[in-house]
Amino acid sequence: DLNEKGISYHQVDFKPMDRNQDIFKIKIAFDKKKSTIHKVFIYHK
């Protein structure tokens, strides 16, 4: 879970099957009550 300011969010981790991509990971954090997207994190190599 992602924890911010006392609030906990579901977090799903995506990793590309193609390891040659410049992006090695994307995380999406979801509001647990509303099921809506809170934040998206994109990580570059």
All heavy atoms as atom14 arrays in JSON, in Angstrom:
{
  "sequence": "DLNEKGISYHQVDFKPMDRNQDIFKIKIAFDKKKSTIHKVFIYHK",
  "atom14_mask": [
    [1, 1, 1, 1, 1, 1, 1, 1, 0, 0, 0, 0, 0, 0],
    [1, 1, 1, 1, 1, 1, 1, 1, 0, 0, 0, 0, 0, 0],
    [1, 1, 1, 1, 1, 1, 1, 1, 0, 0, 0, 0, 0, 0],
    [1, 1, 1, 1, 1, 1, 1, 1, 1, 0, 0, 0, 0, 0],
    [1, 1, 1, 1, 1, 1, 1, 1, 1, 0, 0, 0, 0, 0],
    [1, 1, 1, 1, 0, 0, 0, 0, 0, 0, 0, 0, 0, 0],
    [1, 1, 1, 1, 1, 1, 1, 1, 0, 0, 0, 0, 0, 0],
    [1, 1, 1, 1, 1, 1, 0, 0, 0, 0, 0, 0, 0, 0],
    [1, 1, 1, 1, 1, 1, 1, 1, 1, 1, 1, 1, 0, 0],
    [1, 1, 1, 1, 1, 1, 1, 1, 1, 1, 0, 0, 0, 0],
    [1, 1, 1, 1, 1, 1, 1, 1, 1, 0, 0, 0, 0, 0],
    [1, 1, 1, 1, 1, 1, 1, 0, 0, 0, 0, 0, 0, 0],
    [1, 1, 1, 1, 1, 1, 1, 1, 0, 0, 0, 0, 0, 0],
    [1, 1, 1, 1, 1, 1, 1, 1, 1, 1, 1, 0, 0, 0],
    [1, 1, 1, 1, 1, 1, 1, 1, 1, 0, 0, 0, 0, 0],
    [1, 1, 1, 1, 1, 1, 1, 0, 0, 0, 0, 0, 0, 0],
    [1, 1, 1, 1, 1, 1, 1, 1, 0, 0, 0, 0, 0, 0],
    [1, 1, 1, 1, 1, 1, 1, 1, 0, 0, 0, 0, 0, 0],
    [1, 1, 1, 1, 1, 1, 1, 1, 1, 1, 1, 0, 0, 0],
    [1, 1, 1, 1, 1, 1, 1, 1, 0, 0, 0, 0, 0, 0],
    [1, 1, 1, 1, 1, 1, 1, 1, 1, 0, 0, 0, 0, 0],
    [1, 1, 1, 1, 1, 1, 1, 1, 0, 0, 0, 0, 0, 0],
    [1, 1, 1, 1, 1, 1, 1, 1, 0, 0, 0, 0, 0, 0],
    [1, 1, 1, 1, 1, 1, 1, 1, 1, 1, 1, 0, 0, 0],
    [1, 1, 1, 1, 1, 1, 1, 1, 1, 0, 0, 0, 0, 0],
    [1, 1, 1, 1, 1, 1, 1, 1, 0, 0, 0, 0, 0, 0],
    [1, 1, 1, 1, 1, 1, 1, 1, 1, 0, 0, 0, 0, 0],
    [1, 1, 1, 1, 1, 1, 1, 1, 0, 0, 0, 0, 0, 0],
    [1, 1, 1, 1, 1, 0, 0, 0, 0, 0, 0, 0, 0, 0],
    [1, 1, 1, 1, 1, 1, 1, 1, 1, 1, 1, 0, 0, 0],
    [1, 1, 1, 1, 1, 1, 1, 1, 0, 0, 0, 0, 0, 0],
    [1, 1, 1, 1, 1, 1, 1, 1, 1, 0, 0, 0, 0, 0],
    [1, 1, 1, 1, 1, 1, 1, 1, 1, 0, 0, 0, 0, 0],
    [1, 1, 1, 1, 1, 1, 1, 1, 1, 0, 0, 0, 0, 0],
    [1, 1, 1, 1, 1, 1, 0, 0, 0, 0, 0, 0, 0, 0],
    [1, 1, 1, 1, 1, 1, 1, 0, 0, 0, 0, 0, 0, 0],
    [1, 1, 1, 1, 1, 1, 1, 1, 0, 0, 0, 0, 0, 0],
    [1, 1, 1, 1, 1, 1, 1, 1, 1, 1, 0, 0, 0, 0],
    [1, 1, 1, 1, 1, 1, 1, 1, 1, 0, 0, 0, 0, 0],
    [1, 1, 1, 1, 1, 1, 1, 0, 0, 0, 0, 0, 0, 0],
    [1, 1, 1, 1, 1, 1, 1, 1, 1, 1, 1, 0, 0, 0],
    [1, 1, 1, 1, 1, 1, 1, 1, 0, 0, 0, 0, 0, 0],
    [1, 1, 1, 1, 1, 1, 1, 1, 1, 1, 1, 1, 0, 0],
    [1, 1, 1, 1, 1, 1, 1, 1, 1, 1, 0, 0, 0, 0],
    [1, 1, 1, 1, 1, 1, 1, 1, 1, 0, 0, 0, 0, 0]
  ],
  "atom14_positions": [
    [[0.83, -1.2, 0.0], [0.0, 0.0, 0.0], [0.86, 1.26, 0.0], [1.97, 1.28, 0.56], [-0.91, 0.04, 1.23], [-2.08, -0.92, 1.12], [-2.25, -1.55, 0.07], [-2.84, -1.04, 2.11], [0.0, 0.0, 0.0], [0.0, 0.0, 0.0], [0.0, 0.0, 0.0], [0.0, 0.0, 0.0], [0.0, 0.0, 0.0], [0.0, 0.0, 0.0]],
    [[0.35, 2.3, -0.65], [0.95, 3.62, -0.57], [0.3, 4.35, 0.6], [-0.94, 4.41, 0.7], [0.7, 4.4, -1.87], [1.09, 5.87, -1.87], [2.61, 6.02, -1.81], [0.54, 6.57, -3.11], [0.0, 0.0, 0.0], [0.0, 0.0, 0.0], [0.0, 0.0, 0.0], [0.0, 0.0, 0.0], [0.0, 0.0, 0.0], [0.0, 0.0, 0.0]],
    [[1.1, 4.91, 1.48], [0.57, 5.63, 2.64], [0.98, 7.1, 2.55], [2.17, 7.42, 2.49], [1.09, 5.02, 3.94], [0.55, 3.62, 4.17], [-0.63, 3.45, 4.44], [1.42, 2.61, 4.03], [0.0, 0.0, 0.0], [0.0, 0.0, 0.0], [0.0, 0.0, 0.0], [0.0, 0.0, 0.0], [0.0, 0.0, 0.0], [0.0, 0.0, 0.0]],
    [[-0.02, 7.98, 2.53], [0.21, 9.41, 2.47], [-0.74, 10.13, 3.43], [-1.96, 9.95, 3.36], [-0.03, 9.95, 1.05], [1.0, 9.55, 0.03], [0.77, 10.22, -1.31], [-0.33, 10.78, -1.53], [1.68, 10.17, -2.15], [0.0, 0.0, 0.0], [0.0, 0.0, 0.0], [0.0, 0.0, 0.0], [0.0, 0.0, 0.0], [0.0, 0.0, 0.0]],
    [[-0.16, 10.93, 4.29], [-0.93, 11.75, 5.22], [-1.98, 10.93, 5.99], [-3.13, 11.34, 6.15], [-1.61, 12.9, 4.47], [-0.62, 13.83, 3.77], [-1.34, 14.94, 3.02], [-0.34, 15.85, 2.33], [-1.0, 16.93, 1.55], [0.0, 0.0, 0.0], [0.0, 0.0, 0.0], [0.0, 0.0, 0.0], [0.0, 0.0, 0.0], [0.0, 0.0, 0.0]],
    [[-1.58, 9.75, 6.4], [-2.45, 8.91, 7.19], [-3.49, 8.13, 6.4], [-4.33, 7.45, 6.98], [0.0, 0.0, 0.0], [0.0, 0.0, 0.0], [0.0, 0.0, 0.0], [0.0, 0.0, 0.0], [0.0, 0.0, 0.0], [0.0, 0.0, 0.0], [0.0, 0.0, 0.0], [0.0, 0.0, 0.0], [0.0, 0.0, 0.0], [0.0, 0.0, 0.0]],
    [[-3.43, 8.23, 5.08], [-4.38, 7.52, 4.21], [-3.65, 6.43, 3.44], [-2.55, 6.64, 2.92], [-5.07, 8.48, 3.23], [-5.83, 9.57, 4.0], [-6.04, 7.72, 2.32], [-6.45, 10.62, 3.11], [0.0, 0.0, 0.0], [0.0, 0.0, 0.0], [0.0, 0.0, 0.0], [0.0, 0.0, 0.0], [0.0, 0.0, 0.0], [0.0, 0.0, 0.0]],
    [[-4.26, 5.25, 3.38], [-3.67, 4.1, 2.7], [-4.35, 3.87, 1.35], [-5.58, 3.9, 1.25], [-3.8, 2.85, 3.58], [-3.21, 1.73, 2.94], [0.0, 0.0, 0.0], [0.0, 0.0, 0.0], [0.0, 0.0, 0.0], [0.0, 0.0, 0.0], [0.0, 0.0, 0.0], [0.0, 0.0, 0.0], [0.0, 0.0, 0.0], [0.0, 0.0, 0.0]],
    [[-3.54, 3.66, 0.31], [-4.04, 3.45, -1.05], [-3.57, 2.1, -1.59], [-2.42, 1.71, -1.38], [-3.54, 4.55, -1.99], [-3.95, 5.95, -1.61], [-3.16, 6.72, -0.75], [-5.13, 6.52, -2.1], [-3.54, 8.0, -0.38], [-5.51, 7.81, -1.74], [-4.71, 8.54, -0.88], [-5.08, 9.81, -0.51], [0.0, 0.0, 0.0], [0.0, 0.0, 0.0]],
    [[-4.47, 1.39, -2.29], [-4.03, 0.21, -3.03], [-3.0, 0.64, -4.07], [-3.1, 1.74, -4.64], [-5.2, -0.44, -3.78], [-6.17, -1.15, -2.9], [-5.8, -2.12, -1.99], [-7.54, -1.04, -2.8], [-6.87, -2.58, -1.37], [-7.93, -1.94, -1.83], [0.0, 0.0, 0.0], [0.0, 0.0, 0.0], [0.0, 0.0, 0.0], [0.0, 0.0, 0.0]],
    [[-2.06, -0.23, -4.37], [-1.05, 0.1, -5.37], [-0.77, -1.13, -6.25], [-0.47, -2.21, -5.73], [0.23, 0.58, -4.69], [1.18, 1.31, -5.61], [2.22, 2.11, -4.85], [2.55, 3.22, -5.23], [2.74, 1.57, -3.76], [0.0, 0.0, 0.0], [0.0, 0.0, 0.0], [0.0, 0.0, 0.0], [0.0, 0.0, 0.0], [0.0, 0.0, 0.0]],
    [[-0.91, -0.94, -7.56], [-0.65, -2.02, -8.52], [0.61, -1.69, -9.3], [0.77, -0.57, -9.81], [-1.84, -2.22, -9.48], [-1.52, -3.31, -10.5], [-3.1, -2.58, -8.69], [0.0, 0.0, 0.0], [0.0, 0.0, 0.0], [0.0, 0.0, 0.0], [0.0, 0.0, 0.0], [0.0, 0.0, 0.0], [0.0, 0.0, 0.0], [0.0, 0.0, 0.0]],
    [[1.49, -2.65, -9.37], [2.8, -2.49, -10.01], [2.79, -3.15, -11.38], [2.5, -4.35, -11.5], [3.87, -3.13, -9.11], [5.26, -2.92, -9.61], [5.77, -1.81, -9.49], [5.87, -3.9, -10.12], [0.0, 0.0, 0.0], [0.0, 0.0, 0.0], [0.0, 0.0, 0.0], [0.0, 0.0, 0.0], [0.0, 0.0, 0.0], [0.0, 0.0, 0.0]],
    [[3.1, -2.39, -12.43], [3.17, -2.9, -13.79], [4.63, -2.92, -14.25], [5.34, -1.92, -14.1], [2.39, -2.01, -14.77], [0.91, -2.06, -14.62], [0.25, -1.25, -13.71], [0.15, -2.89, -15.43], [-1.12, -1.28, -13.58], [-1.23, -2.93, -15.31], [-1.86, -2.12, -14.38], [0.0, 0.0, 0.0], [0.0, 0.0, 0.0], [0.0, 0.0, 0.0]],
    [[5.06, -4.05, -14.83], [6.4, -4.13, -15.39], [6.31, -4.64, -16.83], [5.67, -5.67, -17.08], [7.29, -5.07, -14.56], [7.59, -4.51, -13.17], [8.52, -5.43, -12.39], [8.82, -4.83, -11.01], [9.71, -5.71, -10.21], [0.0, 0.0, 0.0], [0.0, 0.0, 0.0], [0.0, 0.0, 0.0], [0.0, 0.0, 0.0], [0.0, 0.0, 0.0]],
    [[6.94, -3.94, -17.77], [6.85, -4.36, -19.18], [7.56, -5.7, -19.41], [8.62, -5.96, -18.85], [7.53, -3.22, -19.94], [8.39, -2.54, -18.93], [7.71, -2.7, -17.61], [0.0, 0.0, 0.0], [0.0, 0.0, 0.0], [0.0, 0.0, 0.0], [0.0, 0.0, 0.0], [0.0, 0.0, 0.0], [0.0, 0.0, 0.0], [0.0, 0.0, 0.0]],
    [[6.93, -6.54, -20.22], [7.54, -7.81, -20.57], [8.79, -7.61, -21.43], [9.73, -8.39, -21.38], [6.52, -8.69, -21.31], [5.25, -8.96, -20.5], [5.58, -9.78, -18.93], [6.12, -11.4, -19.54], [0.0, 0.0, 0.0], [0.0, 0.0, 0.0], [0.0, 0.0, 0.0], [0.0, 0.0, 0.0], [0.0, 0.0, 0.0], [0.0, 0.0, 0.0]],
    [[8.79, -6.55, -22.22], [9.94, -6.2, -23.04], [10.94, -5.45, -22.18], [10.75, -4.29, -21.87], [9.49, -5.34, -24.23], [10.64, -4.97, -25.16], [11.8, -5.36, -24.87], [10.39, -4.29, -26.17], [0.0, 0.0, 0.0], [0.0, 0.0, 0.0], [0.0, 0.0, 0.0], [0.0, 0.0, 0.0], [0.0, 0.0, 0.0], [0.0, 0.0, 0.0]],
    [[11.99, -6.09, -21.8], [12.97, -5.49, -20.9], [13.82, -4.41, -21.58], [14.64, -3.76, -20.93], [13.88, -6.57, -20.31], [13.14, -7.66, -19.55], [12.22, -7.09, -18.48], [11.55, -8.14, -17.72], [10.56, -7.92, -16.87], [10.11, -6.68, -16.69], [9.99, -8.92, -16.22], [0.0, 0.0, 0.0], [0.0, 0.0, 0.0], [0.0, 0.0, 0.0]],
    [[13.64, -4.22, -22.89], [14.39, -3.2, -23.61], [13.71, -1.84, -23.55], [14.25, -0.84, -24.04], [14.59, -3.61, -25.07], [15.48, -4.82, -25.21], [16.5, -4.94, -24.52], [15.11, -5.73, -26.11], [0.0, 0.0, 0.0], [0.0, 0.0, 0.0], [0.0, 0.0, 0.0], [0.0, 0.0, 0.0], [0.0, 0.0, 0.0], [0.0, 0.0, 0.0]],
    [[12.53, -1.78, -22.96], [11.83, -0.5, -22.84], [12.59, 0.45, -21.92], [13.23, 0.03, -20.95], [10.42, -0.73, -22.28], [9.5, -1.54, -23.17], [8.98, -0.72, -24.34], [9.19, 0.49, -24.41], [8.29, -1.37, -25.24], [0.0, 0.0, 0.0], [0.0, 0.0, 0.0], [0.0, 0.0, 0.0], [0.0, 0.0, 0.0], [0.0, 0.0, 0.0]],
    [[12.51, 1.75, -22.22], [13.13, 2.76, -21.35], [12.42, 2.83, -20.01], [13.02, 3.2, -19.0], [13.08, 4.14, -22.02], [14.0, 4.21, -23.23], [14.98, 3.46, -23.27], [13.72, 5.02, -24.13], [0.0, 0.0, 0.0], [0.0, 0.0, 0.0], [0.0, 0.0, 0.0], [0.0, 0.0, 0.0], [0.0, 0.0, 0.0], [0.0, 0.0, 0.0]],
    [[11.13, 2.48, -20.01], [10.36, 2.45, -18.76], [10.49, 1.06, -18.15], [10.23, 0.06, -18.81], [8.87, 2.74, -19.03], [8.7, 4.04, -19.81], [8.1, 2.78, -17.72], [9.22, 5.27, -19.13], [0.0, 0.0, 0.0], [0.0, 0.0, 0.0], [0.0, 0.0, 0.0], [0.0, 0.0, 0.0], [0.0, 0.0, 0.0], [0.0, 0.0, 0.0]],
    [[10.9, 0.98, -16.88], [11.02, -0.35, -16.29], [9.9, -0.64, -15.29], [9.72, -1.8, -14.9], [12.38, -0.54, -15.62], [12.56, 0.12, -14.29], [12.21, -0.53, -13.11], [13.07, 1.4, -14.2], [12.38, 0.07, -11.88], [13.25, 2.01, -12.96], [12.9, 1.35, -11.81], [0.0, 0.0, 0.0], [0.0, 0.0, 0.0], [0.0, 0.0, 0.0]],
    [[9.11, 0.4, -14.92], [8.03, 0.14, -13.97], [7.04, 1.29, -13.98], [7.41, 2.45, -14.11], [8.61, -0.05, -12.56], [7.59, -0.34, -11.49], [8.26, -0.81, -10.21], [9.23, 0.2, -9.63], [9.83, -0.24, -8.35], [0.0, 0.0, 0.0], [0.0, 0.0, 0.0], [0.0, 0.0, 0.0], [0.0, 0.0, 0.0], [0.0, 0.0, 0.0]],
    [[5.75, 0.94, -13.82], [4.69, 1.93, -13.63], [3.85, 1.46, -12.44], [3.47, 0.29, -12.37], [3.79, 2.06, -14.87], [4.58, 2.62, -16.05], [2.59, 2.97, -14.58], [3.78, 2.71, -17.33], [0.0, 0.0, 0.0], [0.0, 0.0, 0.0], [0.0, 0.0, 0.0], [0.0, 0.0, 0.0], [0.0, 0.0, 0.0], [0.0, 0.0, 0.0]],
    [[3.58, 2.36, -11.52], [2.72, 2.04, -10.39], [1.48, 2.94, -10.43], [1.58, 4.13, -10.72], [3.45, 2.25, -9.06], [4.52, 1.22, -8.77], [5.06, 1.4, -7.35], [6.1, 0.34, -7.02], [6.56, 0.45, -5.6], [0.0, 0.0, 0.0], [0.0, 0.0, 0.0], [0.0, 0.0, 0.0], [0.0, 0.0, 0.0], [0.0, 0.0, 0.0]],
    [[0.33, 2.35, -10.15], [-0.92, 3.1, -10.07], [-1.49, 2.92, -8.68], [-1.69, 1.79, -8.22], [-1.94, 2.65, -11.12], [-1.35, 2.73, -12.54], [-3.21, 3.5, -11.04], [-2.29, 2.27, -13.62], [0.0, 0.0, 0.0], [0.0, 0.0, 0.0], [0.0, 0.0, 0.0], [0.0, 0.0, 0.0], [0.0, 0.0, 0.0], [0.0, 0.0, 0.0]],
    [[-1.75, 4.04, -8.0], [-2.32, 4.02, -6.66], [-3.8, 4.35, -6.73], [-4.21, 5.3, -7.41], [-1.59, 5.02, -5.76], [0.0, 0.0, 0.0], [0.0, 0.0, 0.0], [0.0, 0.0, 0.0], [0.0, 0.0, 0.0], [0.0, 0.0, 0.0], [0.0, 0.0, 0.0], [0.0, 0.0, 0.0], [0.0, 0.0, 0.0], [0.0, 0.0, 0.0]],
    [[-4.62, 3.57, -6.02], [-6.08, 3.7, -6.06], [-6.66, 4.06, -4.7], [-6.23, 3.51, -3.67], [-6.72, 2.38, -6.52], [-6.37, 1.97, -7.91], [-5.23, 1.21, -8.16], [-7.18, 2.32, -8.98], [-4.9, 0.82, -9.44], [-6.86, 1.93, -10.27], [-5.72, 1.19, -10.51], [0.0, 0.0, 0.0], [0.0, 0.0, 0.0], [0.0, 0.0, 0.0]],
    [[-7.62, 4.95, -4.71], [-8.39, 5.26, -3.5], [-9.17, 4.01, -3.1], [-9.93, 3.45, -3.9], [-9.34, 6.42, -3.79], [-10.08, 6.9, -2.55], [-10.8, 6.09, -1.94], [-9.96, 8.08, -2.22], [0.0, 0.0, 0.0], [0.0, 0.0, 0.0], [0.0, 0.0, 0.0], [0.0, 0.0, 0.0], [0.0, 0.0, 0.0], [0.0, 0.0, 0.0]],
    [[-8.99, 3.55, -1.87], [-9.62, 2.3, -1.45], [-11.14, 2.41, -1.36], [-11.86, 1.43, -1.6], [-9.05, 1.84, -0.11], [-7.62, 1.33, -0.2], [-7.16, 0.76, 1.13], [-5.78, 0.15, 1.02], [-5.33, -0.46, 2.3], [0.0, 0.0, 0.0], [0.0, 0.0, 0.0], [0.0, 0.0, 0.0], [0.0, 0.0, 0.0], [0.0, 0.0, 0.0]],
    [[-11.65, 3.57, -1.0], [-13.09, 3.74, -0.84], [-13.78, 4.0, -2.17], [-14.85, 3.44, -2.45], [-13.38, 4.88, 0.13], [-12.95, 4.59, 1.57], [-13.32, 5.75, 2.49], [-12.92, 5.45, 3.92], [-13.26, 6.59, 4.83], [0.0, 0.0, 0.0], [0.0, 0.0, 0.0], [0.0, 0.0, 0.0], [0.0, 0.0, 0.0], [0.0, 0.0, 0.0]],
    [[-13.19, 4.84, -3.01], [-13.84, 5.25, -4.25], [-13.44, 4.39, -5.46], [-14.09, 4.44, -6.5], [-13.5, 6.72, -4.55], [-13.97, 7.69, -3.48], [-13.55, 9.11, -3.84], [-13.98, 10.11, -2.78], [-13.54, 11.49, -3.11], [0.0, 0.0, 0.0], [0.0, 0.0, 0.0], [0.0, 0.0, 0.0], [0.0, 0.0, 0.0], [0.0, 0.0, 0.0]],
    [[-12.34, 3.64, -5.34], [-11.8, 2.83, -6.44], [-11.34, 3.68, -7.63], [-11.27, 3.2, -8.76], [-12.83, 1.79, -6.92], [-13.12, 0.87, -5.89], [0.0, 0.0, 0.0], [0.0, 0.0, 0.0], [0.0, 0.0, 0.0], [0.0, 0.0, 0.0], [0.0, 0.0, 0.0], [0.0, 0.0, 0.0], [0.0, 0.0, 0.0], [0.0, 0.0, 0.0]],
    [[-11.03, 4.94, -7.37], [-10.53, 5.83, -8.42], [-9.02, 5.98, -8.31], [-8.42, 5.67, -7.28], [-11.2, 7.21, -8.32], [-11.04, 7.71, -6.98], [-12.68, 7.12, -8.64], [0.0, 0.0, 0.0], [0.0, 0.0, 0.0], [0.0, 0.0, 0.0], [0.0, 0.0, 0.0], [0.0, 0.0, 0.0], [0.0, 0.0, 0.0], [0.0, 0.0, 0.0]],
    [[-8.41, 6.48, -9.39], [-6.95, 6.62, -9.42], [-6.53, 7.85, -8.62], [-7.06, 8.94, -8.78], [-6.45, 6.71, -10.87], [-6.73, 5.4, -11.59], [-4.96, 7.03, -10.91], [-6.39, 5.43, -13.07], [0.0, 0.0, 0.0], [0.0, 0.0, 0.0], [0.0, 0.0, 0.0], [0.0, 0.0, 0.0], [0.0, 0.0, 0.0], [0.0, 0.0, 0.0]],
    [[-5.54, 7.65, -7.77], [-4.98, 8.73, -6.96], [-3.69, 9.27, -7.57], [-3.55, 10.47, -7.81], [-4.72, 8.22, -5.54], [-3.95, 9.15, -4.67], [-4.39, 10.42, -4.35], [-2.72, 9.01, -4.05], [-3.51, 11.02, -3.58], [-2.49, 10.19, -3.38], [0.0, 0.0, 0.0], [0.0, 0.0, 0.0], [0.0, 0.0, 0.0], [0.0, 0.0, 0.0]],
    [[-2.75, 8.37, -7.86], [-1.48, 8.78, -8.45], [-0.96, 7.7, -9.4], [-1.29, 6.53, -9.27], [-0.41, 9.04, -7.36], [-0.57, 10.35, -6.63], [0.61, 10.6, -5.69], [0.5, 11.96, -5.02], [1.65, 12.23, -4.11], [0.0, 0.0, 0.0], [0.0, 0.0, 0.0], [0.0, 0.0, 0.0], [0.0, 0.0, 0.0], [0.0, 0.0, 0.0]],
    [[-0.12, 8.16, -10.34], [0.58, 7.25, -11.25], [2.06, 7.58, -11.18], [2.45, 8.76, -11.27], [0.08, 7.41, -12.7], [0.8, 6.44, -13.63], [-1.43, 7.2, -12.77], [0.0, 0.0, 0.0], [0.0, 0.0, 0.0], [0.0, 0.0, 0.0], [0.0, 0.0, 0.0], [0.0, 0.0, 0.0], [0.0, 0.0, 0.0], [0.0, 0.0, 0.0]],
    [[2.89, 6.56, -11.01], [4.34, 6.75, -10.94], [5.0, 6.02, -12.11], [4.75, 4.84, -12.32], [4.9, 6.18, -9.63], [4.23, 6.72, -8.39], [3.14, 6.06, -7.83], [4.7, 7.88, -7.78], [2.52, 6.54, -6.68], [4.08, 8.37, -6.63], [2.99, 7.7, -6.08], [0.0, 0.0, 0.0], [0.0, 0.0, 0.0], [0.0, 0.0, 0.0]],
    [[5.82, 6.73, -12.86], [6.51, 6.15, -14.01], [8.01, 6.21, -13.76], [8.56, 7.3, -13.55], [6.16, 6.9, -15.31], [4.64, 6.85, -15.55], [6.9, 6.3, -16.5], [4.19, 7.7, -16.71], [0.0, 0.0, 0.0], [0.0, 0.0, 0.0], [0.0, 0.0, 0.0], [0.0, 0.0, 0.0], [0.0, 0.0, 0.0], [0.0, 0.0, 0.0]],
    [[8.67, 5.06, -13.79], [10.09, 4.96, -13.48], [10.89, 4.64, -14.75], [10.6, 3.65, -15.43], [10.33, 3.87, -12.44], [9.62, 4.1, -11.12], [8.29, 3.7, -10.94], [10.28, 4.69, -10.05], [7.63, 3.9, -9.73], [9.63, 4.89, -8.83], [8.32, 4.5, -8.68], [7.67, 4.69, -7.49], [0.0, 0.0, 0.0], [0.0, 0.0, 0.0]],
    [[11.89, 5.46, -15.01], [12.78, 5.24, -16.16], [14.08, 4.57, -15.72], [14.53, 4.75, -14.58], [13.11, 6.58, -16.82], [11.93, 7.28, -17.41], [11.69, 7.34, -18.76], [10.91, 7.96, -16.83], [10.59, 8.03, -18.99], [10.09, 8.41, -17.83], [0.0, 0.0, 0.0], [0.0, 0.0, 0.0], [0.0, 0.0, 0.0], [0.0, 0.0, 0.0]],
    [[14.68, 3.84, -16.63], [15.92, 3.14, -16.31], [17.06, 4.1, -15.97], [17.97, 3.74, -15.24], [16.33, 2.25, -17.49], [15.44, 1.03, -17.68], [15.92, 0.19, -18.86], [15.06, -1.05, -19.03], [15.47, -1.85, -20.21], [0.0, 0.0, 0.0], [0.0, 0.0, 0.0], [0.0, 0.0, 0.0], [0.0, 0.0, 0.0], [0.0, 0.0, 0.0]]
  ]
}
